[in-house]
PDB file of all heavy atoms in Angstrom:
ATOM      1  N   MET A   1      95.602 186.031  30.595  1.00  0.00           N
ATOM      2  CA  MET A   1      94.183 185.770  30.725  1.00  0.00           C
ATOM      3  C   MET A   1      93.649 185.994  32.075  1.00  0.00           C
ATOM      4  O   MET A   1      92.426 185.655  32.308  1.00  0.00           O
ATOM      5  CB  MET A   1      94.068 184.286  30.296  1.00  0.00           C
ATOM      6  CG  MET A   1      94.362 183.907  28.866  1.00  0.00           C
ATOM      7  SD  MET A   1      93.578 184.966  27.665  1.00  0.00           S
ATOM      8  CE  MET A   1      91.792 184.314  27.866  1.00  0.00           C
ATOM      9  N   ALA A   2      94.449 186.473  33.024  1.00  0.00           N
ATOM     10  CA  ALA A   2      93.868 186.786  34.350  1.00  0.00           C
ATOM     11  C   ALA A   2      92.745 187.795  34.220  1.00  0.00           C
ATOM     12  O   ALA A   2      92.822 188.673  33.402  1.00  0.00           O
ATOM     13  CB  ALA A   2      95.035 187.344  35.195  1.00  0.00           C
ATOM     14  N   LYS A   3      91.806 187.605  35.042  1.00  0.00           N
ATOM     15  CA  LYS A   3      90.678 188.669  35.109  1.00  0.00           C
ATOM     16  C   LYS A   3      91.054 189.980  35.296  1.00  0.00           C
ATOM     17  O   LYS A   3      91.760 190.267  36.234  1.00  0.00           O
ATOM     18  CB  LYS A   3      89.698 188.194  36.126  1.00  0.00           C
ATOM     19  CG  LYS A   3      88.626 189.150  36.419  1.00  0.00           C
ATOM     20  CD  LYS A   3      87.255 188.572  35.989  1.00  0.00           C
ATOM     21  CE  LYS A   3      86.166 189.528  36.379  1.00  0.00           C
ATOM     22  NZ  LYS A   3      85.595 190.357  35.224  1.00  0.00           N
ATOM     23  N   GLY A   4      90.623 190.880  34.454  1.00  0.00           N
ATOM     24  CA  GLY A   4      90.907 192.346  34.604  1.00  0.00           C
ATOM     25  C   GLY A   4      89.692 193.132  35.047  1.00  0.00           C
ATOM     26  O   GLY A   4      88.678 192.557  35.498  1.00  0.00           O
ATOM     27  N   ALA A   5      89.806 194.426  34.825  1.00  0.00           N
ATOM     28  CA  ALA A   5      88.712 195.371  35.192  1.00  0.00           C
ATOM     29  C   ALA A   5      87.527 195.145  34.339  1.00  0.00           C
ATOM     30  O   ALA A   5      86.469 195.392  34.640  1.00  0.00           O
ATOM     31  CB  ALA A   5      89.109 196.733  35.224  1.00  0.00           C
ATOM     32  N   LEU A   6      87.738 194.781  33.053  1.00  0.00           N
ATOM     33  CA  LEU A   6      86.705 194.402  32.150  1.00  0.00           C
ATOM     34  C   LEU A   6      86.676 193.085  31.780  1.00  0.00           C
ATOM     35  O   LEU A   6      87.709 192.407  31.566  1.00  0.00           O
ATOM     36  CB  LEU A   6      86.914 195.333  30.877  1.00  0.00           C
ATOM     37  CG  LEU A   6      86.629 196.848  30.918  1.00  0.00           C
ATOM     38  CD1 LEU A   6      87.112 197.530  29.601  1.00  0.00           C
ATOM     39  CD2 LEU A   6      85.137 197.115  31.038  1.00  0.00           C
ATOM     40  N   ASP A   7      85.447 192.513  31.511  1.00  0.00           N
ATOM     41  CA  ASP A   7      85.356 191.079  31.115  1.00  0.00           C
ATOM     42  C   ASP A   7      85.762 190.909  29.694  1.00  0.00           C
ATOM     43  O   ASP A   7      85.389 191.890  28.843  1.00  0.00           O
ATOM     44  CB  ASP A   7      83.872 190.633  31.233  1.00  0.00           C
ATOM     45  CG  ASP A   7      83.484 190.394  32.634  1.00  0.00           C
ATOM     46  OD1 ASP A   7      84.411 190.141  33.568  1.00  0.00           O
ATOM     47  OD2 ASP A   7      82.347 190.519  32.960  1.00  0.00           O
ATOM     48  N   ASP A   8      86.505 189.993  29.283  1.00  0.00           N
ATOM     49  CA  ASP A   8      86.813 189.730  27.915  1.00  0.00           C
ATOM     50  C   ASP A   8      85.483 189.300  27.145  1.00  0.00           C
ATOM     51  O   ASP A   8      84.727 188.578  27.738  1.00  0.00           O
ATOM     52  CB  ASP A   8      87.825 188.672  27.830  1.00  0.00           C
ATOM     53  CG  ASP A   8      89.277 189.134  28.132  1.00  0.00           C
ATOM     54  OD1 ASP A   8      89.555 190.443  27.906  1.00  0.00           O
ATOM     55  OD2 ASP A   8      90.129 188.321  28.572  1.00  0.00           O
ATOM     56  N   ILE A   9      85.578 189.645  25.897  1.00  0.00           N
ATOM     57  CA  ILE A   9      84.466 189.167  24.937  1.00  0.00           C
ATOM     58  C   ILE A   9      85.091 188.427  23.969  1.00  0.00           C
ATOM     59  O   ILE A   9      85.847 189.064  22.999  1.00  0.00           O
ATOM     60  CB  ILE A   9      83.532 190.311  24.412  1.00  0.00           C
ATOM     61  CG1 ILE A   9      82.924 191.150  25.500  1.00  0.00           C
ATOM     62  CG2 ILE A   9      82.527 189.882  23.377  1.00  0.00           C
ATOM     63  CD1 ILE A   9      82.082 192.286  25.069  1.00  0.00           C
ATOM     64  N   ALA A  10      85.121 187.156  23.971  1.00  0.00           N
ATOM     65  CA  ALA A  10      85.866 186.260  23.031  1.00  0.00           C
ATOM     66  C   ALA A  10      85.075 185.809  21.995  1.00  0.00           C
ATOM     67  O   ALA A  10      83.852 185.685  21.972  1.00  0.00           O
ATOM     68  CB  ALA A  10      86.544 185.047  23.958  1.00  0.00           C
ATOM     69  N   MET A  11      85.791 185.458  20.788  1.00  0.00           N
ATOM     70  CA  MET A  11      85.253 184.845  19.692  1.00  0.00           C
ATOM     71  C   MET A  11      86.012 183.612  19.401  1.00  0.00           C
ATOM     72  O   MET A  11      87.188 183.585  19.316  1.00  0.00           O
ATOM     73  CB  MET A  11      85.167 185.857  18.446  1.00  0.00           C
ATOM     74  CG  MET A  11      84.604 185.361  17.136  1.00  0.00           C
ATOM     75  SD  MET A  11      85.016 186.418  15.803  1.00  0.00           S
ATOM     76  CE  MET A  11      84.483 187.821  16.393  1.00  0.00           C
ATOM     77  N   GLY A  12      85.231 182.586  19.028  1.00  0.00           N
ATOM     78  CA  GLY A  12      85.936 181.299  18.658  1.00  0.00           C
ATOM     79  C   GLY A  12      85.749 180.234  19.717  1.00  0.00           C
ATOM     80  O   GLY A  12      85.253 180.539  20.901  1.00  0.00           O
ATOM     81  N   SER A  13      86.239 179.078  19.439  1.00  0.00           N
ATOM     82  CA  SER A  13      86.131 177.853  20.420  1.00  0.00           C
ATOM     83  C   SER A  13      86.924 178.044  21.678  1.00  0.00           C
ATOM     84  O   SER A  13      88.122 178.583  21.584  1.00  0.00           O
ATOM     85  CB  SER A  13      86.615 176.663  19.631  1.00  0.00           C
ATOM     86  OG  SER A  13      86.658 175.496  20.610  1.00  0.00           O
ATOM     87  N   GLU A  14      86.340 177.757  22.708  1.00  0.00           N
ATOM     88  CA  GLU A  14      87.058 177.796  24.038  1.00  0.00           C
ATOM     89  C   GLU A  14      88.186 176.755  24.060  1.00  0.00           C
ATOM     90  O   GLU A  14      89.048 176.913  24.916  1.00  0.00           O
ATOM     91  CB  GLU A  14      85.951 177.510  25.167  1.00  0.00           C
ATOM     92  CG  GLU A  14      84.993 178.538  25.376  1.00  0.00           C
ATOM     93  CD  GLU A  14      84.079 178.293  26.544  1.00  0.00           C
ATOM     94  OE1 GLU A  14      84.329 177.321  27.320  1.00  0.00           O
ATOM     95  OE2 GLU A  14      83.044 179.043  26.719  1.00  0.00           O
ATOM     96  N   THR A  15      88.160 175.710  23.188  1.00  0.00           N
ATOM     97  CA  THR A  15      89.157 174.658  23.236  1.00  0.00           C
ATOM     98  C   THR A  15      90.201 174.849  22.150  1.00  0.00           C
ATOM     99  O   THR A  15      90.948 174.029  21.809  1.00  0.00           O
ATOM    100  CB  THR A  15      88.566 173.331  23.148  1.00  0.00           C
ATOM    101  OG1 THR A  15      87.762 173.176  21.906  1.00  0.00           O
ATOM    102  CG2 THR A  15      87.580 172.967  24.230  1.00  0.00           C
ATOM    103  N   ALA A  16      90.142 176.030  21.399  1.00  0.00           N
ATOM    104  CA  ALA A  16      91.090 176.355  20.353  1.00  0.00           C
ATOM    105  C   ALA A  16      92.493 176.294  20.947  1.00  0.00           C
ATOM    106  O   ALA A  16      92.779 176.794  22.010  1.00  0.00           O
ATOM    107  CB  ALA A  16      90.775 177.730  19.748  1.00  0.00           C
ATOM    108  N   PRO A  17      93.359 175.648  20.154  1.00  0.00           N
ATOM    109  CA  PRO A  17      94.818 175.579  20.485  1.00  0.00           C
ATOM    110  C   PRO A  17      95.588 176.788  20.661  1.00  0.00           C
ATOM    111  O   PRO A  17      96.649 176.937  21.244  1.00  0.00           O
ATOM    112  CB  PRO A  17      95.329 174.592  19.572  1.00  0.00           C
ATOM    113  CG  PRO A  17      94.592 174.647  18.342  1.00  0.00           C
ATOM    114  CD  PRO A  17      93.111 174.936  18.903  1.00  0.00           C
ATOM    115  N   VAL A  18      95.088 177.867  19.864  1.00  0.00           N
ATOM    116  CA  VAL A  18      95.687 179.191  19.848  1.00  0.00           C
ATOM    117  C   VAL A  18      94.731 180.246  20.210  1.00  0.00           C
ATOM    118  O   VAL A  18      93.619 180.306  19.880  1.00  0.00           O
ATOM    119  CB  VAL A  18      96.256 179.428  18.420  1.00  0.00           C
ATOM    120  CG1 VAL A  18      96.842 180.931  18.445  1.00  0.00           C
ATOM    121  CG2 VAL A  18      97.179 178.358  17.912  1.00  0.00           C
ATOM    122  N   THR A  19      95.356 181.007  21.083  1.00  0.00           N
ATOM    123  CA  THR A  19      94.437 182.329  21.571  1.00  0.00           C
ATOM    124  C   THR A  19      95.269 183.495  21.110  1.00  0.00           C
ATOM    125  O   THR A  19      96.480 183.713  21.286  1.00  0.00           O
ATOM    126  CB  THR A  19      94.463 182.302  23.049  1.00  0.00           C
ATOM    127  OG1 THR A  19      93.631 181.177  23.577  1.00  0.00           O
ATOM    128  CG2 THR A  19      93.656 183.631  23.574  1.00  0.00           C
ATOM    129  N   ILE A  20      94.555 184.347  20.447  1.00  0.00           N
ATOM    130  CA  ILE A  20      95.119 185.700  19.963  1.00  0.00           C
ATOM    131  C   ILE A  20      94.373 186.856  20.725  1.00  0.00           C
ATOM    132  O   ILE A  20      93.187 186.926  20.766  1.00  0.00           O
ATOM    133  CB  ILE A  20      95.025 185.866  18.454  1.00  0.00           C
ATOM    134  CG1 ILE A  20      95.769 184.795  17.644  1.00  0.00           C
ATOM    135  CG2 ILE A  20      95.357 187.279  18.094  1.00  0.00           C
ATOM    136  CD1 ILE A  20      95.577 184.817  16.152  1.00  0.00           C
ATOM    137  N   ILE A  21      95.244 187.670  21.352  1.00  0.00           N
ATOM    138  CA  ILE A  21      94.627 188.840  22.038  1.00  0.00           C
ATOM    139  C   ILE A  21      95.086 190.075  21.213  1.00  0.00           C
ATOM    140  O   ILE A  21      96.349 190.243  21.121  1.00  0.00           O
ATOM    141  CB  ILE A  21      94.990 188.989  23.462  1.00  0.00           C
ATOM    142  CG1 ILE A  21      94.458 187.643  24.282  1.00  0.00           C
ATOM    143  CG2 ILE A  21      94.565 190.233  24.104  1.00  0.00           C
ATOM    144  CD1 ILE A  21      95.075 187.579  25.648  1.00  0.00           C
ATOM    145  N   GLU A  22      94.235 190.979  20.852  1.00  0.00           N
ATOM    146  CA  GLU A  22      94.598 192.194  20.208  1.00  0.00           C
ATOM    147  C   GLU A  22      94.224 193.464  21.012  1.00  0.00           C
ATOM    148  O   GLU A  22      93.123 193.496  21.560  1.00  0.00           O
ATOM    149  CB  GLU A  22      93.843 192.375  18.867  1.00  0.00           C
ATOM    150  CG  GLU A  22      94.127 193.649  18.079  1.00  0.00           C
ATOM    151  CD  GLU A  22      93.201 193.981  16.985  1.00  0.00           C
ATOM    152  OE1 GLU A  22      92.093 193.312  16.865  1.00  0.00           O
ATOM    153  OE2 GLU A  22      93.463 194.956  16.265  1.00  0.00           O
ATOM    154  N   TYR A  23      95.286 194.231  21.215  1.00  0.00           N
ATOM    155  CA  TYR A  23      95.024 195.513  21.785  1.00  0.00           C
ATOM    156  C   TYR A  23      94.962 196.596  20.706  1.00  0.00           C
ATOM    157  O   TYR A  23      95.922 196.718  19.965  1.00  0.00           O
ATOM    158  CB  TYR A  23      96.179 195.932  22.812  1.00  0.00           C
ATOM    159  CG  TYR A  23      96.105 195.104  24.099  1.00  0.00           C
ATOM    160  CD1 TYR A  23      96.815 193.912  24.268  1.00  0.00           C
ATOM    161  CD2 TYR A  23      95.330 195.586  25.081  1.00  0.00           C
ATOM    162  CE1 TYR A  23      96.717 193.287  25.453  1.00  0.00           C
ATOM    163  CE2 TYR A  23      95.280 194.867  26.351  1.00  0.00           C
ATOM    164  CZ  TYR A  23      95.971 193.659  26.519  1.00  0.00           C
ATOM    165  OH  TYR A  23      95.858 192.971  27.667  1.00  0.00           O
ATOM    166  N   ALA A  24      93.846 197.223  20.693  1.00  0.00           N
ATOM    167  CA  ALA A  24      93.721 198.258  19.576  1.00  0.00           C
ATOM    168  C   ALA A  24      93.030 199.540  19.972  1.00  0.00           C
ATOM    169  O   ALA A  24      92.181 199.513  20.972  1.00  0.00           O
ATOM    170  CB  ALA A  24      92.958 197.668  18.425  1.00  0.00           C
ATOM    171  N   SER A  25      93.125 200.603  19.247  1.00  0.00           N
ATOM    172  CA  SER A  25      92.481 201.801  19.503  1.00  0.00           C
ATOM    173  C   SER A  25      91.520 202.148  18.247  1.00  0.00           C
ATOM    174  O   SER A  25      91.994 201.982  17.174  1.00  0.00           O
ATOM    175  CB  SER A  25      93.482 203.036  19.612  1.00  0.00           C
ATOM    176  OG  SER A  25      92.866 204.194  19.687  1.00  0.00           O
ATOM    177  N   MET A  26      90.310 202.433  18.672  1.00  0.00           N
ATOM    178  CA  MET A  26      89.353 202.527  17.522  1.00  0.00           C
ATOM    179  C   MET A  26      89.646 203.729  16.499  1.00  0.00           C
ATOM    180  O   MET A  26      89.239 203.648  15.396  1.00  0.00           O
ATOM    181  CB  MET A  26      87.950 202.798  18.181  1.00  0.00           C
ATOM    182  CG  MET A  26      87.488 201.664  18.981  1.00  0.00           C
ATOM    183  SD  MET A  26      87.540 200.004  18.158  1.00  0.00           S
ATOM    184  CE  MET A  26      86.624 200.357  16.712  1.00  0.00           C
ATOM    185  N   THR A  27      90.554 204.658  16.888  1.00  0.00           N
ATOM    186  CA  THR A  27      90.898 205.762  15.990  1.00  0.00           C
ATOM    187  C   THR A  27      92.234 205.496  15.274  1.00  0.00           C
ATOM    188  O   THR A  27      92.687 206.348  14.494  1.00  0.00           O
ATOM    189  CB  THR A  27      90.968 207.091  16.682  1.00  0.00           C
ATOM    190  OG1 THR A  27      91.808 206.972  17.805  1.00  0.00           O
ATOM    191  CG2 THR A  27      89.568 207.549  17.123  1.00  0.00           C
ATOM    192  N   CYS A  28      92.782 204.373  15.549  1.00  0.00           N
ATOM    193  CA  CYS A  28      94.058 204.061  14.995  1.00  0.00           C
ATOM    194  C   CYS A  28      94.020 203.488  13.575  1.00  0.00           C
ATOM    195  O   CYS A  28      93.270 202.432  13.203  1.00  0.00           O
ATOM    196  CB  CYS A  28      94.649 202.909  15.819  1.00  0.00           C
ATOM    197  SG  CYS A  28      96.130 202.004  14.980  1.00  0.00           S
ATOM    198  N   PRO A  29      94.587 204.258  12.553  1.00  0.00           N
ATOM    199  CA  PRO A  29      94.447 203.748  11.159  1.00  0.00           C
ATOM    200  C   PRO A  29      94.992 202.528  10.850  1.00  0.00           C
ATOM    201  O   PRO A  29      94.574 201.659  10.085  1.00  0.00           O
ATOM    202  CB  PRO A  29      95.107 204.973  10.301  1.00  0.00           C
ATOM    203  CG  PRO A  29      95.063 206.147  11.285  1.00  0.00           C
ATOM    204  CD  PRO A  29      95.237 205.644  12.624  1.00  0.00           C
ATOM    205  N   HIS A  30      96.141 202.178  11.553  1.00  0.00           N
ATOM    206  CA  HIS A  30      96.772 200.856  11.342  1.00  0.00           C
ATOM    207  C   HIS A  30      95.865 199.663  11.918  1.00  0.00           C
ATOM    208  O   HIS A  30      95.902 198.586  11.246  1.00  0.00           O
ATOM    209  CB  HIS A  30      98.169 200.804  12.055  1.00  0.00           C
ATOM    210  CG  HIS A  30      99.046 202.052  11.603  1.00  0.00           C
ATOM    211  ND1 HIS A  30      99.097 202.459  10.310  1.00  0.00           N
ATOM    212  CD2 HIS A  30      99.708 202.814  12.327  1.00  0.00           C
ATOM    213  CE1 HIS A  30      99.899 203.428  10.153  1.00  0.00           C
ATOM    214  NE2 HIS A  30     100.372 203.746  11.548  1.00  0.00           N
ATOM    215  N   CYS A  31      95.167 199.995  12.894  1.00  0.00           N
ATOM    216  CA  CYS A  31      94.319 198.952  13.402  1.00  0.00           C
ATOM    217  C   CYS A  31      93.165 198.757  12.487  1.00  0.00           C
ATOM    218  O   CYS A  31      92.672 197.613  12.222  1.00  0.00           O
ATOM    219  CB  CYS A  31      93.665 199.465  14.812  1.00  0.00           C
ATOM    220  SG  CYS A  31      94.892 199.714  16.088  1.00  0.00           S
TER     221      CYS A  31
END
């Protein structure tokens, strides 16, 4: 969760007990 070169755009409650981060490529069929 450390700040990177791009700001995260998050969805869901800031107090949610679980955080899911997905790394994906827009041309990836499996994504």
